[in-house]
Amino acid sequence: MRGSVLLLASAALLGSSGALAQEEDLTQLPAPSDDYRPALTSWGEPDFRGGWPIDHLNGRTPLQRAAEYGDRQLLTEAEYAERAEMVEQLEQRYQNEDSSGTMGIGHWAEVSPANRRTSWITAPADGQLPAYTEEGARRSEAMNSTWAAGQVFEWVDDFDSWDRCITRGLPASMFPFMYNNGMRIFQAPGLVALQMEMVHEVRMIPTDGSAHLPRQIGQWLGDSRGTWEDHNTLRVETTNFRPGPSATNIGTTGSPRENDTPVSAEAHMVERFHMVGENEIIYEFTWTDPVIFTAPWSARLEWQRDDDYGMYEYACHEGNVQIRNYITTSRADAAAAAGGQ
């Protein structure tokens, strides 16, 4: 599923010669080009249909930027070489398992070629999530997840929505993870559907000018409405998020504790899908949640077309026993600890 397209994408980020131009500004990413004009559907809308998996972005680029990079959006050539070597070592796990006749994390956790991005977050300038508000910090501390050690599980609502195979939520679902990174776009007159491999959710995005649902109707992925900007850009505005202490789990490399990013009913997301070539979409969004964060934040990812990417059954917890097993084990641990006292 990776193939030559991914190698070409990595080469493009490096530059055709593999060396950085001396005048390159590492604090800026090039603005999406308006030069490309995609084909139109039979009903006259830009045709974005196809497979757009983001598995090629799973090359150890973190959500948040390490402090050592400051305001730089891009790695230097030497830093890129260091990351590429680390990724190559991780990729070797697959071959090591094959040669030893075993199957483990090397087959389960996919790793793709490195790229030069220092973080997926583009704003604030330091590449960090804004500070929580007082209420945001309180809700974050109240979250529970199997991704964090030392959690106690007494009932089903002690798990986050991803644990329960309900949703990974937004904006989390738009970031790469170590597996199940498939994305596919379908279109019909007045509608764009974005199918996601993780949890097999489908975002339904009307483009017919219809109004948002009443604000009291909250949904896990919010209520999205799309409009076409210029000739190559889909703008999507999403509101009506369902609040709760277990609403989202970003989970990608460099996430804060990987399980503690809540969402409120006041959250608002604006996305832009810029098709800048037949096989490339520059995806950008800004997330605003004044209940949780003290400021908005933005991210950008470069998508590559891969119509041959296959999406298979999403077996989240086979037999529907894992939630029960966690609760049973947690209660047994508590009983053992009480008996030891």
C-alpha atoms as a PDB file:
ATOM      1  CA  MET A   1       0.000   0.000   0.000  1.00  0.00           C
ATOM      2  CA  ARG A   2       2.952   2.312   0.360  1.00  0.00           C
ATOM      3  CA  GLY A   3       4.924   1.735  -2.823  1.00  0.00           C
ATOM      4  CA  SER A   4       6.571   4.239  -5.110  1.00  0.00           C
ATOM      5  CA  VAL A   5       3.990   6.986  -4.466  1.00  0.00           C
ATOM      6  CA  LEU A   6       5.171   7.266  -0.880  1.00  0.00           C
ATOM      7  CA  LEU A   7       8.819   7.295  -1.859  1.00  0.00           C
ATOM      8  CA  LEU A   8       8.094  10.062  -4.345  1.00  0.00           C
ATOM      9  CA  ALA A   9       6.239  12.013  -1.672  1.00  0.00           C
ATOM     10  CA  SER A  10       9.212  11.759   0.687  1.00  0.00           C
ATOM     11  CA  ALA A  11      11.562  12.826  -2.095  1.00  0.00           C
ATOM     12  CA  ALA A  12       9.406  15.848  -2.831  1.00  0.00           C
ATOM     13  CA  LEU A  13       9.616  16.949   0.792  1.00  0.00           C
ATOM     14  CA  LEU A  14      13.378  16.622   0.656  1.00  0.00           C
ATOM     15  CA  GLY A  15      13.770  18.453  -2.622  1.00  0.00           C
ATOM     16  CA  SER A  16      14.742  16.919  -5.942  1.00  0.00           C
ATOM     17  CA  SER A  17      18.465  16.950  -5.174  1.00  0.00           C
ATOM     18  CA  GLY A  18      18.069  15.796  -1.577  1.00  0.00           C
ATOM     19  CA  ALA A  19      19.696  19.013  -0.360  1.00  0.00           C
ATOM     20  CA  LEU A  20      18.053  22.049   1.154  1.00  0.00           C
ATOM     21  CA  ALA A  21      18.146  25.297  -0.729  1.00  0.00           C
ATOM     22  CA  GLN A  22      20.191  27.796   1.227  1.00  0.00           C
ATOM     23  CA  GLU A  23      17.410  30.367   1.131  1.00  0.00           C
ATOM     24  CA  GLU A  24      14.711  27.985   2.376  1.00  0.00           C
ATOM     25  CA  ASP A  25      12.642  29.322   5.267  1.00  0.00           C
ATOM     26  CA  LEU A  26      12.131  26.373   7.602  1.00  0.00           C
ATOM     27  CA  THR A  27       9.442  28.237   9.562  1.00  0.00           C
ATOM     28  CA  GLN A  28       7.005  28.315   6.616  1.00  0.00           C
ATOM     29  CA  LEU A  29       5.107  25.732   4.606  1.00  0.00           C
ATOM     30  CA  PRO A  30       4.255  26.643   1.005  1.00  0.00           C
ATOM     31  CA  ALA A  31       0.683  27.855   0.562  1.00  0.00           C
ATOM     32  CA  PRO A  32      -1.593  25.447  -1.336  1.00  0.00           C
ATOM     33  CA  SER A  33      -1.466  26.181  -5.058  1.00  0.00           C
ATOM     34  CA  ASP A  34      -4.583  27.248  -6.982  1.00  0.00           C
ATOM     35  CA  ASP A  35      -3.083  26.258 -10.347  1.00  0.00           C
ATOM     36  CA  TYR A  36      -4.553  22.766 -10.571  1.00  0.00           C
ATOM     37  CA  ARG A  37      -8.086  22.379 -11.904  1.00  0.00           C
ATOM     38  CA  PRO A  38      -9.577  18.997 -11.017  1.00  0.00           C
ATOM     39  CA  ALA A  39     -12.024  17.241 -13.304  1.00  0.00           C
ATOM     40  CA  LEU A  40     -15.695  17.873 -12.646  1.00  0.00           C
ATOM     41  CA  THR A  41     -18.354  15.349 -11.747  1.00  0.00           C
ATOM     42  CA  SER A  42     -21.273  14.870 -14.127  1.00  0.00           C
ATOM     43  CA  TRP A  43     -23.255  17.304 -11.938  1.00  0.00           C
ATOM     44  CA  GLY A  44     -20.572  19.978 -12.079  1.00  0.00           C
ATOM     45  CA  GLU A  45     -18.694  19.759  -8.741  1.00  0.00           C
ATOM     46  CA  PRO A  46     -14.908  19.232  -8.424  1.00  0.00           C
ATOM     47  CA  ASP A  47     -14.227  15.500  -8.480  1.00  0.00           C
ATOM     48  CA  PHE A  48     -12.356  14.434  -5.314  1.00  0.00           C
ATOM     49  CA  ARG A  49     -13.481  10.798  -5.454  1.00  0.00           C
ATOM     50  CA  GLY A  50     -10.972   8.084  -4.727  1.00  0.00           C
ATOM     51  CA  GLY A  51      -8.699   6.574  -2.124  1.00  0.00           C
ATOM     52  CA  TRP A  52      -6.738   9.026   0.041  1.00  0.00           C
ATOM     53  CA  PRO A  53      -5.179   6.909   2.824  1.00  0.00           C
ATOM     54  CA  ILE A  54      -2.877   8.718   5.233  1.00  0.00           C
ATOM     55  CA  ASP A  55      -0.702   5.704   6.086  1.00  0.00           C
ATOM     56  CA  HIS A  56       2.226   7.404   4.311  1.00  0.00           C
ATOM     57  CA  LEU A  57       2.156  10.053   7.070  1.00  0.00           C
ATOM     58  CA  ASN A  58       2.819   7.533   9.838  1.00  0.00           C
ATOM     59  CA  GLY A  59       6.558   8.234   9.810  1.00  0.00           C
ATOM     60  CA  ARG A  60       7.034   9.406  13.407  1.00  0.00           C
ATOM     61  CA  THR A  61       5.975  13.009  12.772  1.00  0.00           C
ATOM     62  CA  PRO A  62       4.473  14.158  16.084  1.00  0.00           C
ATOM     63  CA  LEU A  63       1.233  16.023  16.652  1.00  0.00           C
ATOM     64  CA  GLN A  64       3.071  18.574  18.814  1.00  0.00           C
ATOM     65  CA  ARG A  65       6.499  19.966  18.036  1.00  0.00           C
ATOM     66  CA  ALA A  66       9.501  19.287  20.229  1.00  0.00           C
ATOM     67  CA  ALA A  67      10.795  22.484  21.859  1.00  0.00           C
ATOM     68  CA  GLU A  68      14.213  22.081  20.216  1.00  0.00           C
ATOM     69  CA  TYR A  69      12.698  22.975  16.813  1.00  0.00           C
ATOM     70  CA  GLY A  70      11.250  26.297  17.974  1.00  0.00           C
ATOM     71  CA  ASP A  71       8.974  27.788  15.304  1.00  0.00           C
ATOM     72  CA  ARG A  72      10.372  25.632  12.475  1.00  0.00           C
ATOM     73  CA  GLN A  73       7.824  23.719  10.426  1.00  0.00           C
ATOM     74  CA  LEU A  74      10.514  21.680   8.667  1.00  0.00           C
ATOM     75  CA  LEU A  75      13.549  19.637   9.685  1.00  0.00           C
ATOM     76  CA  THR A  76      17.020  20.416   8.444  1.00  0.00           C
ATOM     77  CA  GLU A  77      18.687  17.893   6.149  1.00  0.00           C
ATOM     78  CA  ALA A  78      20.683  16.426   9.053  1.00  0.00           C
ATOM     79  CA  GLU A  79      17.596  16.160  11.268  1.00  0.00           C
ATOM     80  CA  TYR A  80      15.677  14.493   8.467  1.00  0.00           C
ATOM     81  CA  ALA A  81      18.460  11.940   7.980  1.00  0.00           C
ATOM     82  CA  GLU A  82      18.349  11.129  11.695  1.00  0.00           C
ATOM     83  CA  ARG A  83      14.583  10.592  11.630  1.00  0.00           C
ATOM     84  CA  ALA A  84      14.821   8.509   8.464  1.00  0.00           C
ATOM     85  CA  GLU A  85      17.380   6.236  10.126  1.00  0.00           C
ATOM     86  CA  MET A  86      15.111   5.796  13.158  1.00  0.00           C
ATOM     87  CA  VAL A  87      12.144   4.947  10.935  1.00  0.00           C
ATOM     88  CA  GLU A  88      14.253   2.483   8.957  1.00  0.00           C
ATOM     89  CA  GLN A  89      15.118   0.673  12.188  1.00  0.00           C
ATOM     90  CA  LEU A  90      11.432   0.507  13.115  1.00  0.00           C
ATOM     91  CA  GLU A  91      10.553  -0.823   9.664  1.00  0.00           C
ATOM     92  CA  GLN A  92      13.164  -3.545  10.085  1.00  0.00           C
ATOM     93  CA  ARG A  93      11.013  -5.127  12.792  1.00  0.00           C
ATOM     94  CA  TYR A  94       8.715  -6.488  10.087  1.00  0.00           C
ATOM     95  CA  GLN A  95      11.545  -8.265   8.279  1.00  0.00           C
ATOM     96  CA  ASN A  96      13.011  -9.506  11.564  1.00  0.00           C
ATOM     97  CA  GLU A  97       9.711 -11.125  12.491  1.00  0.00           C
ATOM     98  CA  ASP A  98       9.359 -12.705   9.053  1.00  0.00           C
ATOM     99  CA  SER A  99      12.836 -14.196   9.214  1.00  0.00           C
ATOM    100  CA  SER A 100      12.198 -15.642  12.681  1.00  0.00           C
ATOM    101  CA  GLY A 101       8.755 -16.986  11.838  1.00  0.00           C
ATOM    102  CA  THR A 102       6.989 -14.765  14.350  1.00  0.00           C
ATOM    103  CA  MET A 103       4.338 -12.064  14.147  1.00  0.00           C
ATOM    104  CA  GLY A 104       4.238  -9.173  16.626  1.00  0.00           C
ATOM    105  CA  ILE A 105       4.366  -5.396  16.840  1.00  0.00           C
ATOM    106  CA  GLY A 106       6.351  -5.197  13.589  1.00  0.00           C
ATOM    107  CA  HIS A 107       3.369  -6.530  11.650  1.00  0.00           C
ATOM    108  CA  TRP A 108       0.754  -4.720  13.688  1.00  0.00           C
ATOM    109  CA  ALA A 109       2.211  -1.199  13.924  1.00  0.00           C
ATOM    110  CA  GLU A 110       2.799   0.205  10.443  1.00  0.00           C
ATOM    111  CA  VAL A 111       5.650   2.660   9.907  1.00  0.00           C
ATOM    112  CA  SER A 112       6.036   4.699   6.725  1.00  0.00           C
ATOM    113  CA  PRO A 113       8.972   6.658   5.289  1.00  0.00           C
ATOM    114  CA  ALA A 114      10.005   9.722   7.265  1.00  0.00           C
ATOM    115  CA  ASN A 115       9.129  13.246   6.150  1.00  0.00           C
ATOM    116  CA  ARG A 116      10.500  16.669   7.031  1.00  0.00           C
ATOM    117  CA  ARG A 117       7.578  18.024   9.049  1.00  0.00           C
ATOM    118  CA  THR A 118       8.459  18.918  12.665  1.00  0.00           C
ATOM    119  CA  SER A 119       4.804  18.597  13.760  1.00  0.00           C
ATOM    120  CA  TRP A 120       1.335  18.322  12.317  1.00  0.00           C
ATOM    121  CA  ILE A 121       0.264  21.401  14.297  1.00  0.00           C
ATOM    122  CA  THR A 122       0.957  24.568  12.314  1.00  0.00           C
ATOM    123  CA  ALA A 123      -0.557  27.140  14.685  1.00  0.00           C
ATOM    124  CA  PRO A 124       0.241  28.330  17.310  1.00  0.00           C
ATOM    125  CA  ALA A 125       3.688  29.013  15.883  1.00  0.00           C
ATOM    126  CA  ASP A 126       5.436  26.846  18.479  1.00  0.00           C
ATOM    127  CA  GLY A 127       3.560  23.768  17.264  1.00  0.00           C
ATOM    128  CA  GLN A 128       2.031  23.092  20.676  1.00  0.00           C
ATOM    129  CA  LEU A 129      -1.589  22.665  21.662  1.00  0.00           C
ATOM    130  CA  PRO A 130      -2.817  25.795  23.470  1.00  0.00           C
ATOM    131  CA  ALA A 131      -3.180  25.617  27.238  1.00  0.00           C
ATOM    132  CA  TYR A 132      -6.374  24.236  28.672  1.00  0.00           C
ATOM    133  CA  THR A 133      -8.868  26.520  30.297  1.00  0.00           C
ATOM    134  CA  GLU A 134      -9.644  25.744  33.928  1.00  0.00           C
ATOM    135  CA  GLU A 135     -12.708  23.805  32.789  1.00  0.00           C
ATOM    136  CA  GLY A 136     -10.713  22.064  30.065  1.00  0.00           C
ATOM    137  CA  ALA A 137      -8.140  20.895  32.606  1.00  0.00           C
ATOM    138  CA  ARG A 138     -10.892  19.599  34.878  1.00  0.00           C
ATOM    139  CA  ARG A 139     -12.525  17.629  32.066  1.00  0.00           C
ATOM    140  CA  SER A 140      -9.168  16.300  30.901  1.00  0.00           C
ATOM    141  CA  GLU A 141      -8.377  14.942  34.346  1.00  0.00           C
ATOM    142  CA  ALA A 142     -11.783  13.238  34.428  1.00  0.00           C
ATOM    143  CA  MET A 143     -11.086  11.257  31.260  1.00  0.00           C
ATOM    144  CA  ASN A 144     -10.343   7.542  31.418  1.00  0.00           C
ATOM    145  CA  SER A 145      -8.832   5.275  28.774  1.00  0.00           C
ATOM    146  CA  THR A 146      -7.191   1.888  28.359  1.00  0.00           C
ATOM    147  CA  TRP A 147      -4.333   3.753  26.681  1.00  0.00           C
ATOM    148  CA  ALA A 148      -3.195   5.131  30.035  1.00  0.00           C
ATOM    149  CA  ALA A 149      -1.683   3.058  32.825  1.00  0.00           C
ATOM    150  CA  GLY A 150      -3.202   2.838  36.276  1.00  0.00           C
ATOM    151  CA  GLN A 151      -6.811   3.470  35.270  1.00  0.00           C
ATOM    152  CA  VAL A 152      -9.716   1.945  37.204  1.00  0.00           C
ATOM    153  CA  PHE A 153     -12.688   0.573  35.256  1.00  0.00           C
ATOM    154  CA  GLU A 154     -15.904   0.064  37.191  1.00  0.00           C
ATOM    155  CA  TRP A 155     -18.432   0.436  34.368  1.00  0.00           C
ATOM    156  CA  VAL A 156     -18.692   1.077  30.611  1.00  0.00           C
ATOM    157  CA  ASP A 157     -18.632   4.856  30.967  1.00  0.00           C
ATOM    158  CA  ASP A 158     -15.149   4.613  32.494  1.00  0.00           C
ATOM    159  CA  PHE A 159     -13.830   3.947  28.967  1.00  0.00           C
ATOM    160  CA  ASP A 160     -13.312   6.497  26.233  1.00  0.00           C
ATOM    161  CA  SER A 161     -15.368   6.309  23.059  1.00  0.00           C
ATOM    162  CA  TRP A 162     -12.520   4.703  21.105  1.00  0.00           C
ATOM    163  CA  ASP A 163     -12.134   1.943  23.719  1.00  0.00           C
ATOM    164  CA  ARG A 164     -15.829   1.204  23.248  1.00  0.00           C
ATOM    165  CA  CYS A 165     -15.471   1.073  19.447  1.00  0.00           C
ATOM    166  CA  ILE A 166     -17.895   3.962  19.052  1.00  0.00           C
ATOM    167  CA  THR A 167     -15.634   6.583  17.498  1.00  0.00           C
ATOM    168  CA  ARG A 168     -12.149   8.043  17.548  1.00  0.00           C
ATOM    169  CA  GLY A 169     -13.849  11.417  17.280  1.00  0.00           C
ATOM    170  CA  LEU A 170     -12.776  14.676  15.697  1.00  0.00           C
ATOM    171  CA  PRO A 171     -10.257  16.057  15.083  1.00  0.00           C
ATOM    172  CA  ALA A 172      -8.514  12.815  16.141  1.00  0.00           C
ATOM    173  CA  SER A 173      -9.841  10.751  13.221  1.00  0.00           C
ATOM    174  CA  MET A 174      -8.085  13.030  10.720  1.00  0.00           C
ATOM    175  CA  PHE A 175      -4.613  12.184  12.077  1.00  0.00           C
ATOM    176  CA  PRO A 176      -2.530   9.099  11.251  1.00  0.00           C
ATOM    177  CA  PHE A 177      -2.269   6.215  13.672  1.00  0.00           C
ATOM    178  CA  MET A 178      -0.095   3.093  13.659  1.00  0.00           C
ATOM    179  CA  TYR A 179      -2.717   1.172  11.683  1.00  0.00           C
ATOM    180  CA  ASN A 180      -6.073   1.560   9.868  1.00  0.00           C
ATOM    181  CA  ASN A 181      -5.289   4.861   8.119  1.00  0.00           C
ATOM    182  CA  GLY A 182      -7.554   4.391   5.128  1.00  0.00           C
ATOM    183  CA  MET A 183      -9.623   7.296   3.790  1.00  0.00           C
ATOM    184  CA  ARG A 184     -11.932   7.220   0.784  1.00  0.00           C
ATOM    185  CA  ILE A 185     -14.055  10.000  -0.686  1.00  0.00           C
ATOM    186  CA  PHE A 186     -17.402   9.348  -2.372  1.00  0.00           C
ATOM    187  CA  GLN A 187     -19.583  12.021  -3.961  1.00  0.00           C
ATOM    188  CA  ALA A 188     -23.189  12.394  -5.091  1.00  0.00           C
ATOM    189  CA  PRO A 189     -25.103  15.529  -6.111  1.00  0.00           C
ATOM    190  CA  GLY A 190     -25.037  17.807  -3.074  1.00  0.00           C
ATOM    191  CA  LEU A 191     -23.127  15.355  -0.862  1.00  0.00           C
ATOM    192  CA  VAL A 192     -19.544  14.349  -0.039  1.00  0.00           C
ATOM    193  CA  ALA A 193     -18.979  11.206   2.042  1.00  0.00           C
ATOM    194  CA  LEU A 194     -15.627  10.580   3.720  1.00  0.00           C
ATOM    195  CA  GLN A 195     -15.163   6.949   4.727  1.00  0.00           C
ATOM    196  CA  MET A 196     -12.564   6.281   7.436  1.00  0.00           C
ATOM    197  CA  GLU A 197     -11.010   2.871   8.018  1.00  0.00           C
ATOM    198  CA  MET A 198     -10.664   3.365  11.777  1.00  0.00           C
ATOM    199  CA  VAL A 199     -13.976   2.304  13.354  1.00  0.00           C
ATOM    200  CA  HIS A 200     -15.368   2.278   9.771  1.00  0.00           C
ATOM    201  CA  GLU A 201     -17.107   5.602  10.253  1.00  0.00           C
ATOM    202  CA  VAL A 202     -18.412   7.724   7.391  1.00  0.00           C
ATOM    203  CA  ARG A 203     -18.599  11.496   7.617  1.00  0.00           C
ATOM    204  CA  MET A 204     -21.619  12.750   5.649  1.00  0.00           C
ATOM    205  CA  ILE A 205     -21.003  16.293   4.366  1.00  0.00           C
ATOM    206  CA  PRO A 206     -23.913  17.954   2.534  1.00  0.00           C
ATOM    207  CA  THR A 207     -22.833  20.528  -0.065  1.00  0.00           C
ATOM    208  CA  ASP A 208     -26.364  21.548  -1.063  1.00  0.00           C
ATOM    209  CA  GLY A 209     -26.560  24.682   1.086  1.00  0.00           C
ATOM    210  CA  SER A 210     -28.714  23.057   3.765  1.00  0.00           C
ATOM    211  CA  ALA A 211     -28.560  24.469   7.293  1.00  0.00           C
ATOM    212  CA  HIS A 212     -26.890  22.823  10.275  1.00  0.00           C
ATOM    213  CA  LEU A 213     -28.993  20.680  12.599  1.00  0.00           C
ATOM    214  CA  PRO A 214     -30.425  22.403  15.692  1.00  0.00           C
ATOM    215  CA  ARG A 215     -27.639  22.981  18.202  1.00  0.00           C
ATOM    216  CA  GLN A 216     -29.179  20.685  20.813  1.00  0.00           C
ATOM    217  CA  ILE A 217     -28.631  17.660  18.528  1.00  0.00           C
ATOM    218  CA  GLY A 218     -25.063  16.605  19.330  1.00  0.00           C
ATOM    219  CA  GLN A 219     -23.192  13.938  17.351  1.00  0.00           C
ATOM    220  CA  TRP A 220     -19.885  12.151  17.912  1.00  0.00           C
ATOM    221  CA  LEU A 221     -18.453  13.540  14.657  1.00  0.00           C
ATOM    222  CA  GLY A 222     -20.457  16.735  14.778  1.00  0.00           C
ATOM    223  CA  ASP A 223     -22.688  18.093  12.036  1.00  0.00           C
ATOM    224  CA  SER A 224     -20.750  19.041   8.887  1.00  0.00           C
ATOM    225  CA  ARG A 225     -21.679  21.315   5.989  1.00  0.00           C
ATOM    226  CA  GLY A 226     -19.494  21.771   2.917  1.00  0.00           C
ATOM    227  CA  THR A 227     -19.091  24.516   0.325  1.00  0.00           C
ATOM    228  CA  TRP A 228     -16.900  24.645  -2.757  1.00  0.00           C
ATOM    229  CA  GLU A 229     -14.340  27.454  -2.747  1.00  0.00           C
ATOM    230  CA  ASP A 230     -12.730  28.489  -6.019  1.00  0.00           C
ATOM    231  CA  HIS A 231     -12.209  25.539  -8.336  1.00  0.00           C
ATOM    232  CA  ASN A 232     -10.118  23.141  -6.232  1.00  0.00           C
ATOM    233  CA  THR A 233     -11.079  23.518  -2.560  1.00  0.00           C
ATOM    234  CA  LEU A 234     -13.775  21.986  -0.376  1.00  0.00           C
ATOM    235  CA  ARG A 235     -14.444  23.965   2.801  1.00  0.00           C
ATOM    236  CA  VAL A 236     -16.185  22.071   5.619  1.00  0.00           C
ATOM    237  CA  GLU A 237     -17.611  23.631   8.766  1.00  0.00           C
ATOM    238  CA  THR A 238     -18.536  21.290  11.615  1.00  0.00           C
ATOM    239  CA  THR A 239     -20.516  22.100  14.768  1.00  0.00           C
ATOM    240  CA  ASN A 240     -22.877  20.219  17.127  1.00  0.00           C
ATOM    241  CA  PHE A 241     -20.257  18.043  18.757  1.00  0.00           C
ATOM    242  CA  ARG A 242     -21.383  15.681  21.466  1.00  0.00           C
ATOM    243  CA  PRO A 243     -19.666  16.708  24.722  1.00  0.00           C
ATOM    244  CA  GLY A 244     -18.322  14.395  27.353  1.00  0.00           C
ATOM    245  CA  PRO A 245     -15.186  13.462  29.272  1.00  0.00           C
ATOM    246  CA  SER A 246     -14.525  10.588  26.875  1.00  0.00           C
ATOM    247  CA  ALA A 247     -15.236  12.360  23.607  1.00  0.00           C
ATOM    248  CA  THR A 248     -11.921  12.044  21.782  1.00  0.00           C
ATOM    249  CA  ASN A 249      -8.522  10.386  21.906  1.00  0.00           C
ATOM    250  CA  ILE A 250      -6.028  11.875  19.451  1.00  0.00           C
ATOM    251  CA  GLY A 251      -3.686   8.929  19.837  1.00  0.00           C
ATOM    252  CA  THR A 252      -1.144   9.932  17.181  1.00  0.00           C
ATOM    253  CA  THR A 253       2.558  10.314  17.987  1.00  0.00           C
ATOM    254  CA  GLY A 254       3.185  13.343  20.200  1.00  0.00           C
ATOM    255  CA  SER A 255      -0.341  13.567  21.611  1.00  0.00           C
ATOM    256  CA  PRO A 256      -0.766  14.766  25.202  1.00  0.00           C
ATOM    257  CA  ARG A 257      -0.777  11.553  27.249  1.00  0.00           C
ATOM    258  CA  GLU A 258      -2.605  10.078  24.241  1.00  0.00           C
ATOM    259  CA  ASN A 259      -6.007   9.987  25.902  1.00  0.00           C
ATOM    260  CA  ASP A 260      -6.891  13.275  27.559  1.00  0.00           C
ATOM    261  CA  THR A 261      -8.236  15.728  24.989  1.00  0.00           C
ATOM    262  CA  PRO A 262     -11.909  16.425  25.719  1.00  0.00           C
ATOM    263  CA  VAL A 263     -14.462  18.077  23.421  1.00  0.00           C
ATOM    264  CA  SER A 264     -17.251  20.455  24.431  1.00  0.00           C
ATOM    265  CA  ALA A 265     -20.564  21.295  22.779  1.00  0.00           C
ATOM    266  CA  GLU A 266     -19.042  24.661  21.770  1.00  0.00           C
ATOM    267  CA  ALA A 267     -16.330  23.085  19.600  1.00  0.00           C
ATOM    268  CA  HIS A 268     -16.129  24.369  16.026  1.00  0.00           C
ATOM    269  CA  MET A 269     -14.010  22.945  13.204  1.00  0.00           C
ATOM    270  CA  VAL A 270     -13.238  24.501   9.818  1.00  0.00           C
ATOM    271  CA  GLU A 271     -11.478  22.262   7.274  1.00  0.00           C
ATOM    272  CA  ARG A 272     -10.167  22.903   3.791  1.00  0.00           C
ATOM    273  CA  PHE A 273      -9.387  20.118   1.331  1.00  0.00           C
ATOM    274  CA  HIS A 274      -7.206  21.685  -1.389  1.00  0.00           C
ATOM    275  CA  MET A 275      -6.695  19.428  -4.409  1.00  0.00           C
ATOM    276  CA  VAL A 276      -3.375  20.709  -5.729  1.00  0.00           C
ATOM    277  CA  GLY A 277      -2.733  17.891  -8.192  1.00  0.00           C
ATOM    278  CA  GLU A 278      -4.375  14.764  -9.553  1.00  0.00           C
ATOM    279  CA  ASN A 279      -2.825  12.730  -6.738  1.00  0.00           C
ATOM    280  CA  GLU A 280      -2.428  15.250  -3.913  1.00  0.00           C
ATOM    281  CA  ILE A 281      -4.716  17.007  -1.451  1.00  0.00           C
ATOM    282  CA  ILE A 282      -3.413  19.468   1.119  1.00  0.00           C
ATOM    283  CA  TYR A 283      -5.678  19.076   4.116  1.00  0.00           C
ATOM    284  CA  GLU A 284      -5.867  21.896   6.698  1.00  0.00           C
ATOM    285  CA  PHE A 285      -8.132  22.589   9.646  1.00  0.00           C
ATOM    286  CA  THR A 286      -8.611  24.991  12.533  1.00  0.00           C
ATOM    287  CA  TRP A 287     -10.143  23.743  15.789  1.00  0.00           C
ATOM    288  CA  THR A 288     -11.801  26.194  18.162  1.00  0.00           C
ATOM    289  CA  ASP A 289     -13.186  25.070  21.506  1.00  0.00           C
ATOM    290  CA  PRO A 290     -13.356  27.980  23.984  1.00  0.00           C
ATOM    291  CA  VAL A 291     -14.583  25.726  26.795  1.00  0.00           C
ATOM    292  CA  ILE A 292     -11.505  23.486  26.559  1.00  0.00           C
ATOM    293  CA  PHE A 293      -8.666  25.533  25.002  1.00  0.00           C
ATOM    294  CA  THR A 294      -7.512  29.096  25.636  1.00  0.00           C
ATOM    295  CA  ALA A 295      -6.970  29.638  21.882  1.00  0.00           C
ATOM    296  CA  PRO A 296      -7.717  27.961  18.534  1.00  0.00           C
ATOM    297  CA  TRP A 297      -5.175  25.602  16.948  1.00  0.00           C
ATOM    298  CA  SER A 298      -4.527  24.443  13.393  1.00  0.00           C
ATOM    299  CA  ALA A 299      -2.927  21.499  11.612  1.00  0.00           C
ATOM    300  CA  ARG A 300      -1.970  20.507   8.083  1.00  0.00           C
ATOM    301  CA  LEU A 301      -1.368  17.148   6.403  1.00  0.00           C
ATOM    302  CA  GLU A 302      -0.455  16.293   2.825  1.00  0.00           C
ATOM    303  CA  TRP A 303      -2.606  13.491   1.402  1.00  0.00           C
ATOM    304  CA  GLN A 304      -1.555  11.208  -1.478  1.00  0.00           C
ATOM    305  CA  ARG A 305      -3.960   9.299  -3.723  1.00  0.00           C
ATOM    306  CA  ASP A 306      -3.817   5.504  -3.550  1.00  0.00           C
ATOM    307  CA  ASP A 307      -6.878   3.962  -5.170  1.00  0.00           C
ATOM    308  CA  ASP A 308      -5.473   0.450  -4.603  1.00  0.00           C
ATOM    309  CA  TYR A 309      -5.501   0.762  -0.810  1.00  0.00           C
ATOM    310  CA  GLY A 310      -7.791  -1.932   0.589  1.00  0.00           C
ATOM    311  CA  MET A 311      -9.970  -1.500   3.660  1.00  0.00           C
ATOM    312  CA  TYR A 312     -10.944  -4.671   5.462  1.00  0.00           C
ATOM    313  CA  GLU A 313     -13.177  -5.582   8.377  1.00  0.00           C
ATOM    314  CA  TYR A 314     -12.608  -3.419  11.444  1.00  0.00           C
ATOM    315  CA  ALA A 315     -12.535  -5.921  14.316  1.00  0.00           C
ATOM    316  CA  CYS A 316     -12.387  -3.561  17.269  1.00  0.00           C
ATOM    317  CA  HIS A 317     -12.879  -6.025  20.129  1.00  0.00           C
ATOM    318  CA  GLU A 318     -13.597  -9.499  18.883  1.00  0.00           C
ATOM    319  CA  GLY A 319     -16.405 -11.284  20.711  1.00  0.00           C
ATOM    320  CA  ASN A 320     -17.424  -8.064  22.491  1.00  0.00           C
ATOM    321  CA  VAL A 321     -15.661  -9.259  25.650  1.00  0.00           C
ATOM    322  CA  GLN A 322     -12.819  -6.790  26.134  1.00  0.00           C
ATOM    323  CA  ILE A 323     -14.779  -4.135  28.036  1.00  0.00           C
ATOM    324  CA  ARG A 324     -16.103  -6.814  30.382  1.00  0.00           C
ATOM    325  CA  ASN A 325     -12.592  -8.249  30.794  1.00  0.00           C
ATOM    326  CA  TYR A 326     -11.163  -4.867  31.765  1.00  0.00           C
ATOM    327  CA  ILE A 327     -13.915  -4.317  34.340  1.00  0.00           C
ATOM    328  CA  THR A 328     -13.525  -7.831  35.779  1.00  0.00           C
ATOM    329  CA  THR A 329      -9.757  -7.467  36.019  1.00  0.00           C
ATOM    330  CA  SER A 330      -9.966  -4.011  37.546  1.00  0.00           C
ATOM    331  CA  ARG A 331     -12.412  -5.236  40.206  1.00  0.00           C
ATOM    332  CA  ALA A 332     -10.213  -8.268  40.917  1.00  0.00           C
ATOM    333  CA  ASP A 333      -7.157  -6.024  41.343  1.00  0.00           C
ATOM    334  CA  ALA A 334      -9.089  -3.805  43.741  1.00  0.00           C
ATOM    335  CA  ALA A 335     -10.246  -6.799  45.772  1.00  0.00           C
ATOM    336  CA  ALA A 336      -6.725  -8.212  45.929  1.00  0.00           C
ATOM    337  CA  ALA A 337      -5.345  -4.861  47.050  1.00  0.00           C
ATOM    338  CA  ALA A 338      -8.015  -4.598  49.760  1.00  0.00           C
ATOM    339  CA  GLY A 339      -7.275  -8.131  50.941  1.00  0.00           C
ATOM    340  CA  GLY A 340      -3.585  -7.381  51.132  1.00  0.00           C
ATOM    341  CA  GLN A 341      -4.265  -4.565  53.538  1.00  0.00           C
END
